[in-house]
């Protein structure tokens, strides 16, 4: 059975994957233009997932 804690950890993993993907795309692109608007949206989405997951982890072992 999936609990809210498991769901929170899954959201954190997804958020970290999004952030790492955005940073990897910036390194692979190898341009000095910095972060574009879509990369900033991707970083914000990854951080949003992580922030959304924190209350789920605190709810503990309640079923999702």
Foldseek 3Di string as FASTA:
>chain_A
DDALLNVLVVLLVVLVVLLVVLVVVVVVVPDPPPDDPVSVVSNVVSVVSNVVSVVSNVVPGHHD
